[in-house]
Amino acid sequence: MSSRKPLARSIRVLRRSDAFSKGLLIASVLSLGVVVAGIAMRSRITLLLGAGAAFPVTVLSAEEMYLNGWKAGKRRKS
């Protein structure tokens, strides 16, 4: 029984981080959609708002995916 508790806890943590990664990915896609809308509407303000939101969200998403991959790789090796 005691061996199952740490496994269940790690699965819960993994699910949370997956949800966070998915949320960041969705936010980056939506932000890039605002950039495309700004280009299509030829609106500088919309384009700047979309670019301002897309850059940090995309960087956070890439960082989260990199860290999740690194942690998963580290777990497999040990």
PDB file of N, CA and C in Angstrom:
ATOM      1  N   MET A   1       0.805  -1.204   0.000  1.00  0.00           N
ATOM      2  CA  MET A   1       0.000   0.000   0.000  1.00  0.00           C
ATOM      3  C   MET A   1       0.849   1.269   0.000  1.00  0.00           C
ATOM      4  N   SER A   2       1.918   1.260   0.767  1.00  0.00           N
ATOM      5  CA  SER A   2       2.718   2.472   0.881  1.00  0.00           C
ATOM      6  C   SER A   2       3.398   2.836  -0.434  1.00  0.00           C
ATOM      7  N   SER A   3       3.668   1.855  -1.298  1.00  0.00           N
ATOM      8  CA  SER A   3       4.310   2.155  -2.575  1.00  0.00           C
ATOM      9  C   SER A   3       3.332   2.813  -3.546  1.00  0.00           C
ATOM     10  N   ARG A   4       2.061   2.632  -3.347  1.00  0.00           N
ATOM     11  CA  ARG A   4       1.079   3.226  -4.247  1.00  0.00           C
ATOM     12  C   ARG A   4       0.862   4.713  -3.966  1.00  0.00           C
ATOM     13  N   LYS A   5       1.013   5.132  -2.754  1.00  0.00           N
ATOM     14  CA  LYS A   5       0.758   6.536  -2.427  1.00  0.00           C
ATOM     15  C   LYS A   5       1.715   7.481  -3.151  1.00  0.00           C
ATOM     16  N   PRO A   6       3.030   7.246  -3.158  1.00  0.00           N
ATOM     17  CA  PRO A   6       3.896   8.155  -3.906  1.00  0.00           C
ATOM     18  C   PRO A   6       3.594   8.145  -5.406  1.00  0.00           C
ATOM     19  N   LEU A   7       3.239   6.988  -5.950  1.00  0.00           N
ATOM     20  CA  LEU A   7       2.896   6.903  -7.362  1.00  0.00           C
ATOM     21  C   LEU A   7       1.654   7.735  -7.673  1.00  0.00           C
ATOM     22  N   ALA A   8       0.645   7.608  -6.838  1.00  0.00           N
ATOM     23  CA  ALA A   8      -0.580   8.386  -7.044  1.00  0.00           C
ATOM     24  C   ALA A   8      -0.306   9.875  -6.932  1.00  0.00           C
ATOM     25  N   ARG A   9       0.550  10.253  -5.983  1.00  0.00           N
ATOM     26  CA  ARG A   9       0.887  11.655  -5.813  1.00  0.00           C
ATOM     27  C   ARG A   9       1.625  12.177  -7.044  1.00  0.00           C
ATOM     28  N   SER A  10       2.555  11.404  -7.601  1.00  0.00           N
ATOM     29  CA  SER A  10       3.298  11.849  -8.776  1.00  0.00           C
ATOM     30  C   SER A  10       2.392  11.930  -9.998  1.00  0.00           C
ATOM     31  N   ILE A  11       1.414  11.031 -10.091  1.00  0.00           N
ATOM     32  CA  ILE A  11       0.471  11.090 -11.207  1.00  0.00           C
ATOM     33  C   ILE A  11      -0.378  12.359 -11.106  1.00  0.00           C
ATOM     34  N   ARG A  12      -0.801  12.718  -9.888  1.00  0.00           N
ATOM     35  CA  ARG A  12      -1.570  13.955  -9.716  1.00  0.00           C
ATOM     36  C   ARG A  12      -0.744  15.165 -10.114  1.00  0.00           C
ATOM     37  N   VAL A  13       0.522  15.200  -9.727  1.00  0.00           N
ATOM     38  CA  VAL A  13       1.391  16.328 -10.075  1.00  0.00           C
ATOM     39  C   VAL A  13       1.568  16.403 -11.581  1.00  0.00           C
ATOM     40  N   LEU A  14       1.733  15.252 -12.224  1.00  0.00           N
ATOM     41  CA  LEU A  14       1.896  15.217 -13.673  1.00  0.00           C
ATOM     42  C   LEU A  14       0.647  15.716 -14.375  1.00  0.00           C
ATOM     43  N   ARG A  15      -0.509  15.327 -13.873  1.00  0.00           N
ATOM     44  CA  ARG A  15      -1.753  15.794 -14.479  1.00  0.00           C
ATOM     45  C   ARG A  15      -1.883  17.304 -14.362  1.00  0.00           C
ATOM     46  N   ARG A  16      -1.507  17.839 -13.202  1.00  0.00           N
ATOM     47  CA  ARG A  16      -1.583  19.291 -13.023  1.00  0.00           C
ATOM     48  C   ARG A  16      -0.650  19.999 -13.997  1.00  0.00           C
ATOM     49  N   SER A  17       0.559  19.499 -14.143  1.00  0.00           N
ATOM     50  CA  SER A  17       1.501  20.172 -15.026  1.00  0.00           C
ATOM     51  C   SER A  17       1.066  20.025 -16.475  1.00  0.00           C
ATOM     52  N   ASP A  18       0.457  18.886 -16.832  1.00  0.00           N
ATOM     53  CA  ASP A  18      -0.053  18.737 -18.188  1.00  0.00           C
ATOM     54  C   ASP A  18      -1.156  19.746 -18.464  1.00  0.00           C
ATOM     55  N   ALA A  19      -2.040  19.947 -17.498  1.00  0.00           N
ATOM     56  CA  ALA A  19      -3.112  20.923 -17.667  1.00  0.00           C
ATOM     57  C   ALA A  19      -2.535  22.325 -17.809  1.00  0.00           C
ATOM     58  N   PHE A  20      -1.489  22.619 -17.044  1.00  0.00           N
ATOM     59  CA  PHE A  20      -0.845  23.922 -17.132  1.00  0.00           C
ATOM     60  C   PHE A  20      -0.219  24.102 -18.512  1.00  0.00           C
ATOM     61  N   SER A  21       0.446  23.067 -19.013  1.00  0.00           N
ATOM     62  CA  SER A  21       1.065  23.130 -20.340  1.00  0.00           C
ATOM     63  C   SER A  21       0.011  23.314 -21.421  1.00  0.00           C
ATOM     64  N   LYS A  22      -1.088  22.583 -21.307  1.00  0.00           N
ATOM     65  CA  LYS A  22      -2.160  22.712 -22.291  1.00  0.00           C
ATOM     66  C   LYS A  22      -2.759  24.110 -22.251  1.00  0.00           C
ATOM     67  N   GLY A  23      -2.922  24.646 -21.054  1.00  0.00           N
ATOM     68  CA  GLY A  23      -3.457  26.002 -20.928  1.00  0.00           C
ATOM     69  C   GLY A  23      -2.541  27.035 -21.552  1.00  0.00           C
ATOM     70  N   LEU A  24      -1.249  26.874 -21.339  1.00  0.00           N
ATOM     71  CA  LEU A  24      -0.295  27.796 -21.948  1.00  0.00           C
ATOM     72  C   LEU A  24      -0.301  27.672 -23.468  1.00  0.00           C
ATOM     73  N   LEU A  25      -0.399  26.454 -23.959  1.00  0.00           N
ATOM     74  CA  LEU A  25      -0.429  26.246 -25.401  1.00  0.00           C
ATOM     75  C   LEU A  25      -1.670  26.878 -26.014  1.00  0.00           C
ATOM     76  N   ILE A  26      -2.808  26.712 -25.377  1.00  0.00           N
ATOM     77  CA  ILE A  26      -4.048  27.321 -25.870  1.00  0.00           C
ATOM     78  C   ILE A  26      -3.939  28.844 -25.835  1.00  0.00           C
ATOM     79  N   ALA A  27      -3.358  29.385 -24.764  1.00  0.00           N
ATOM     80  CA  ALA A  27      -3.209  30.836 -24.661  1.00  0.00           C
ATOM     81  C   ALA A  27      -2.272  31.368 -25.740  1.00  0.00           C
ATOM     82  N   SER A  28      -1.215  30.632 -26.051  1.00  0.00           N
ATOM     83  CA  SER A  28      -0.295  31.113 -27.085  1.00  0.00           C
ATOM     84  C   SER A  28      -0.958  31.070 -28.459  1.00  0.00           C
ATOM     85  N   VAL A  29      -1.760  30.026 -28.723  1.00  0.00           N
ATOM     86  CA  VAL A  29      -2.471  29.953 -30.004  1.00  0.00           C
ATOM     87  C   VAL A  29      -3.480  31.085 -30.117  1.00  0.00           C
ATOM     88  N   LEU A  30      -4.198  31.365 -29.043  1.00  0.00           N
ATOM     89  CA  LEU A  30      -5.163  32.472 -29.077  1.00  0.00           C
ATOM     90  C   LEU A  30      -4.459  33.814 -29.270  1.00  0.00           C
ATOM     91  N   SER A  31      -3.310  33.995 -28.617  1.00  0.00           N
ATOM     92  CA  SER A  31      -2.564  35.244 -28.771  1.00  0.00           C
ATOM     93  C   SER A  31      -2.063  35.406 -30.198  1.00  0.00           C
ATOM     94  N   LEU A  32      -1.601  34.315 -30.781  1.00  0.00           N
ATOM     95  CA  LEU A  32      -1.158  34.388 -32.176  1.00  0.00           C
ATOM     96  C   LEU A  32      -2.341  34.643 -33.105  1.00  0.00           C
ATOM     97  N   GLY A  33      -3.525  34.165 -32.723  1.00  0.00           N
ATOM     98  CA  GLY A  33      -4.732  34.473 -33.490  1.00  0.00           C
ATOM     99  C   GLY A  33      -5.050  35.957 -33.455  1.00  0.00           C
ATOM    100  N   VAL A  34      -4.811  36.596 -32.334  1.00  0.00           N
ATOM    101  CA  VAL A  34      -5.016  38.049 -32.232  1.00  0.00           C
ATOM    102  C   VAL A  34      -4.014  38.773 -33.132  1.00  0.00           C
ATOM    103  N   VAL A  35      -2.785  38.271 -33.213  1.00  0.00           N
ATOM    104  CA  VAL A  35      -1.787  38.869 -34.109  1.00  0.00           C
ATOM    105  C   VAL A  35      -2.265  38.771 -35.555  1.00  0.00           C
ATOM    106  N   VAL A  36      -2.755  37.603 -35.943  1.00  0.00           N
ATOM    107  CA  VAL A  36      -3.251  37.413 -37.310  1.00  0.00           C
ATOM    108  C   VAL A  36      -4.446  38.321 -37.571  1.00  0.00           C
ATOM    109  N   ALA A  37      -5.326  38.451 -36.583  1.00  0.00           N
ATOM    110  CA  ALA A  37      -6.480  39.343 -36.737  1.00  0.00           C
ATOM    111  C   ALA A  37      -6.021  40.791 -36.893  1.00  0.00           C
ATOM    112  N   GLY A  38      -4.983  41.164 -36.132  1.00  0.00           N
ATOM    113  CA  GLY A  38      -4.452  42.528 -36.256  1.00  0.00           C
ATOM    114  C   GLY A  38      -3.875  42.786 -37.631  1.00  0.00           C
ATOM    115  N   ILE A  39      -3.203  41.780 -38.193  1.00  0.00           N
ATOM    116  CA  ILE A  39      -2.654  41.925 -39.546  1.00  0.00           C
ATOM    117  C   ILE A  39      -3.791  42.015 -40.562  1.00  0.00           C
ATOM    118  N   ALA A  40      -4.794  41.142 -40.406  1.00  0.00           N
ATOM    119  CA  ALA A  40      -5.917  41.124 -41.342  1.00  0.00           C
ATOM    120  C   ALA A  40      -6.717  42.423 -41.285  1.00  0.00           C
ATOM    121  N   MET A  41      -6.892  42.973 -40.101  1.00  0.00           N
ATOM    122  CA  MET A  41      -7.667  44.209 -39.953  1.00  0.00           C
ATOM    123  C   MET A  41      -6.810  45.447 -40.192  1.00  0.00           C
ATOM    124  N   ARG A  42      -5.521  45.244 -40.342  1.00  0.00           N
ATOM    125  CA  ARG A  42      -4.558  46.344 -40.495  1.00  0.00           C
ATOM    126  C   ARG A  42      -4.655  47.323 -39.330  1.00  0.00           C
ATOM    127  N   SER A  43      -4.775  46.748 -38.146  1.00  0.00           N
ATOM    128  CA  SER A  43      -4.875  47.538 -36.934  1.00  0.00           C
ATOM    129  C   SER A  43      -3.587  47.370 -36.130  1.00  0.00           C
ATOM    130  N   ARG A  44      -2.862  48.446 -35.975  1.00  0.00           N
ATOM    131  CA  ARG A  44      -1.588  48.383 -35.246  1.00  0.00           C
ATOM    132  C   ARG A  44      -1.804  48.060 -33.775  1.00  0.00           C
ATOM    133  N   ILE A  45      -2.860  48.610 -33.199  1.00  0.00           N
ATOM    134  CA  ILE A  45      -3.111  48.380 -31.768  1.00  0.00           C
ATOM    135  C   ILE A  45      -3.403  46.902 -31.507  1.00  0.00           C
ATOM    136  N   THR A  46      -4.258  46.299 -32.340  1.00  0.00           N
ATOM    137  CA  THR A  46      -4.567  44.879 -32.174  1.00  0.00           C
ATOM    138  C   THR A  46      -3.326  44.033 -32.375  1.00  0.00           C
ATOM    139  N   LEU A  47      -2.530  44.382 -33.370  1.00  0.00           N
ATOM    140  CA  LEU A  47      -1.297  43.646 -33.638  1.00  0.00           C
ATOM    141  C   LEU A  47      -0.334  43.733 -32.462  1.00  0.00           C
ATOM    142  N   LEU A  48      -0.171  44.933 -31.905  1.00  0.00           N
ATOM    143  CA  LEU A  48       0.733  45.102 -30.765  1.00  0.00           C
ATOM    144  C   LEU A  48       0.224  44.389 -29.510  1.00  0.00           C
ATOM    145  N   LEU A  49      -1.100  44.433 -29.276  1.00  0.00           N
ATOM    146  CA  LEU A  49      -1.664  43.713 -28.132  1.00  0.00           C
ATOM    147  C   LEU A  49      -1.449  42.208 -28.272  1.00  0.00           C
ATOM    148  N   GLY A  50      -1.685  41.691 -29.462  1.00  0.00           N
ATOM    149  CA  GLY A  50      -1.487  40.257 -29.690  1.00  0.00           C
ATOM    150  C   GLY A  50      -0.039  39.855 -29.554  1.00  0.00           C
ATOM    151  N   ALA A  51       0.856  40.656 -30.114  1.00  0.00           N
ATOM    152  CA  ALA A  51       2.286  40.341 -30.030  1.00  0.00           C
ATOM    153  C   ALA A  51       2.774  40.455 -28.588  1.00  0.00           C
ATOM    154  N   GLY A  52       2.281  41.441 -27.868  1.00  0.00           N
ATOM    155  CA  GLY A  52       2.672  41.609 -26.471  1.00  0.00           C
ATOM    156  C   GLY A  52       2.223  40.447 -25.608  1.00  0.00           C
ATOM    157  N   ALA A  53       1.073  39.862 -25.930  1.00  0.00           N
ATOM    158  CA  ALA A  53       0.586  38.702 -25.178  1.00  0.00           C
ATOM    159  C   ALA A  53       1.212  37.411 -25.682  1.00  0.00           C
ATOM    160  N   ALA A  54       1.457  37.321 -26.986  1.00  0.00           N
ATOM    161  CA  ALA A  54       1.955  36.065 -27.566  1.00  0.00           C
ATOM    162  C   ALA A  54       3.378  35.764 -27.149  1.00  0.00           C
ATOM    163  N   PHE A  55       4.223  36.770 -27.080  1.00  0.00           N
ATOM    164  CA  PHE A  55       5.635  36.501 -26.785  1.00  0.00           C
ATOM    165  C   PHE A  55       5.845  35.870 -25.409  1.00  0.00           C
ATOM    166  N   PRO A  56       5.392  36.484 -24.305  1.00  0.00           N
ATOM    167  CA  PRO A  56       5.652  35.851 -23.005  1.00  0.00           C
ATOM    168  C   PRO A  56       4.935  34.517 -22.817  1.00  0.00           C
ATOM    169  N   VAL A  57       3.732  34.392 -23.375  1.00  0.00           N
ATOM    170  CA  VAL A  57       2.994  33.136 -23.235  1.00  0.00           C
ATOM    171  C   VAL A  57       3.704  32.028 -23.998  1.00  0.00           C
ATOM    172  N   THR A  58       4.217  32.332 -25.191  1.00  0.00           N
ATOM    173  CA  THR A  58       4.931  31.332 -25.973  1.00  0.00           C
ATOM    174  C   THR A  58       6.229  30.933 -25.288  1.00  0.00           C
ATOM    175  N   VAL A  59       6.926  31.897 -24.707  1.00  0.00           N
ATOM    176  CA  VAL A  59       8.167  31.585 -23.983  1.00  0.00           C
ATOM    177  C   VAL A  59       7.862  30.711 -22.769  1.00  0.00           C
ATOM    178  N   LEU A  60       6.815  31.052 -22.018  1.00  0.00           N
ATOM    179  CA  LEU A  60       6.432  30.227 -20.868  1.00  0.00           C
ATOM    180  C   LEU A  60       6.029  28.816 -21.290  1.00  0.00           C
ATOM    181  N   SER A  61       5.309  28.711 -22.398  1.00  0.00           N
ATOM    182  CA  SER A  61       4.883  27.407 -22.884  1.00  0.00           C
ATOM    183  C   SER A  61       6.087  26.558 -23.290  1.00  0.00           C
ATOM    184  N   ALA A  62       7.019  27.161 -24.000  1.00  0.00           N
ATOM    185  CA  ALA A  62       8.221  26.432 -24.411  1.00  0.00           C
ATOM    186  C   ALA A  62       9.043  26.011 -23.198  1.00  0.00           C
ATOM    187  N   GLU A  63       9.147  26.895 -22.220  1.00  0.00           N
ATOM    188  CA  GLU A  63       9.896  26.570 -21.011  1.00  0.00           C
ATOM    189  C   GLU A  63       9.238  25.417 -20.253  1.00  0.00           C
ATOM    190  N   GLU A  64       7.925  25.450 -20.162  1.00  0.00           N
ATOM    191  CA  GLU A  64       7.201  24.394 -19.453  1.00  0.00           C
ATOM    192  C   GLU A  64       7.368  23.050 -20.150  1.00  0.00           C
ATOM    193  N   MET A  65       7.292  23.053 -21.494  1.00  0.00           N
ATOM    194  CA  MET A  65       7.465  21.801 -22.222  1.00  0.00           C
ATOM    195  C   MET A  65       8.891  21.283 -22.077  1.00  0.00           C
ATOM    196  N   TYR A  66       9.867  22.177 -22.103  1.00  0.00           N
ATOM    197  CA  TYR A  66      11.258  21.770 -21.934  1.00  0.00           C
ATOM    198  C   TYR A  66      11.489  21.171 -20.547  1.00  0.00           C
ATOM    199  N   LEU A  67      10.978  21.842 -19.524  1.00  0.00           N
ATOM    200  CA  LEU A  67      11.171  21.343 -18.164  1.00  0.00           C
ATOM    201  C   LEU A  67      10.457  20.015 -17.941  1.00  0.00           C
ATOM    202  N   ASN A  68       9.259  19.861 -18.495  1.00  0.00           N
ATOM    203  CA  ASN A  68       8.548  18.586 -18.359  1.00  0.00           C
ATOM    204  C   ASN A  68       9.312  17.473 -19.046  1.00  0.00           C
ATOM    205  N   GLY A  69       9.856  17.754 -20.217  1.00  0.00           N
ATOM    206  CA  GLY A  69      10.639  16.748 -20.927  1.00  0.00           C
ATOM    207  C   GLY A  69      11.908  16.408 -20.178  1.00  0.00           C
ATOM    208  N   TRP A  70      12.549  17.412 -19.606  1.00  0.00           N
ATOM    209  CA  TRP A  70      13.792  17.188 -18.864  1.00  0.00           C
ATOM    210  C   TRP A  70      13.524  16.353 -17.615  1.00  0.00           C
ATOM    211  N   LYS A  71      12.449  16.686 -16.913  1.00  0.00           N
ATOM    212  CA  LYS A  71      12.110  15.932 -15.703  1.00  0.00           C
ATOM    213  C   LYS A  71      11.753  14.488 -16.047  1.00  0.00           C
ATOM    214  N   ALA A  72      11.012  14.292 -17.134  1.00  0.00           N
ATOM    215  CA  ALA A  72      10.634  12.932 -17.531  1.00  0.00           C
ATOM    216  C   ALA A  72      11.881  12.139 -17.930  1.00  0.00           C
ATOM    217  N   GLY A  73      12.802  12.783 -18.641  1.00  0.00           N
ATOM    218  CA  GLY A  73      14.037  12.110 -19.032  1.00  0.00           C
ATOM    219  C   GLY A  73      14.897  11.782 -17.839  1.00  0.00           C
ATOM    220  N   LYS A  74      14.923  12.668 -16.868  1.00  0.00           N
ATOM    221  CA  LYS A  74      15.722  12.428 -15.673  1.00  0.00           C
ATOM    222  C   LYS A  74      15.144  11.268 -14.871  1.00  0.00           C
ATOM    223  N   ARG A  75      13.819  11.161 -14.825  1.00  0.00           N
ATOM    224  CA  ARG A  75      13.179  10.070 -14.094  1.00  0.00           C
ATOM    225  C   ARG A  75      13.460   8.730 -14.759  1.00  0.00           C
ATOM    226  N   ARG A  76      13.487   8.714 -16.098  1.00  0.00           N
ATOM    227  CA  ARG A  76      13.728   7.463 -16.798  1.00  0.00           C
ATOM    228  C   ARG A  76      15.144   6.953 -16.579  1.00  0.00           C
ATOM    229  N   LYS A  77      16.104   7.864 -16.521  1.00  0.00           N
ATOM    230  CA  LYS A  77      17.507   7.458 -16.374  1.00  0.00           C
ATOM    231  C   LYS A  77      17.797   6.861 -15.009  1.00  0.00           C
ATOM    232  N   SER A  78      17.167   7.387 -13.969  1.00  0.00           N
ATOM    233  CA  SER A  78      17.473   6.908 -12.618  1.00  0.00           C
ATOM    234  C   SER A  78      16.638   5.744 -12.187  1.00  0.00           C
TER     235      SER A  78
END
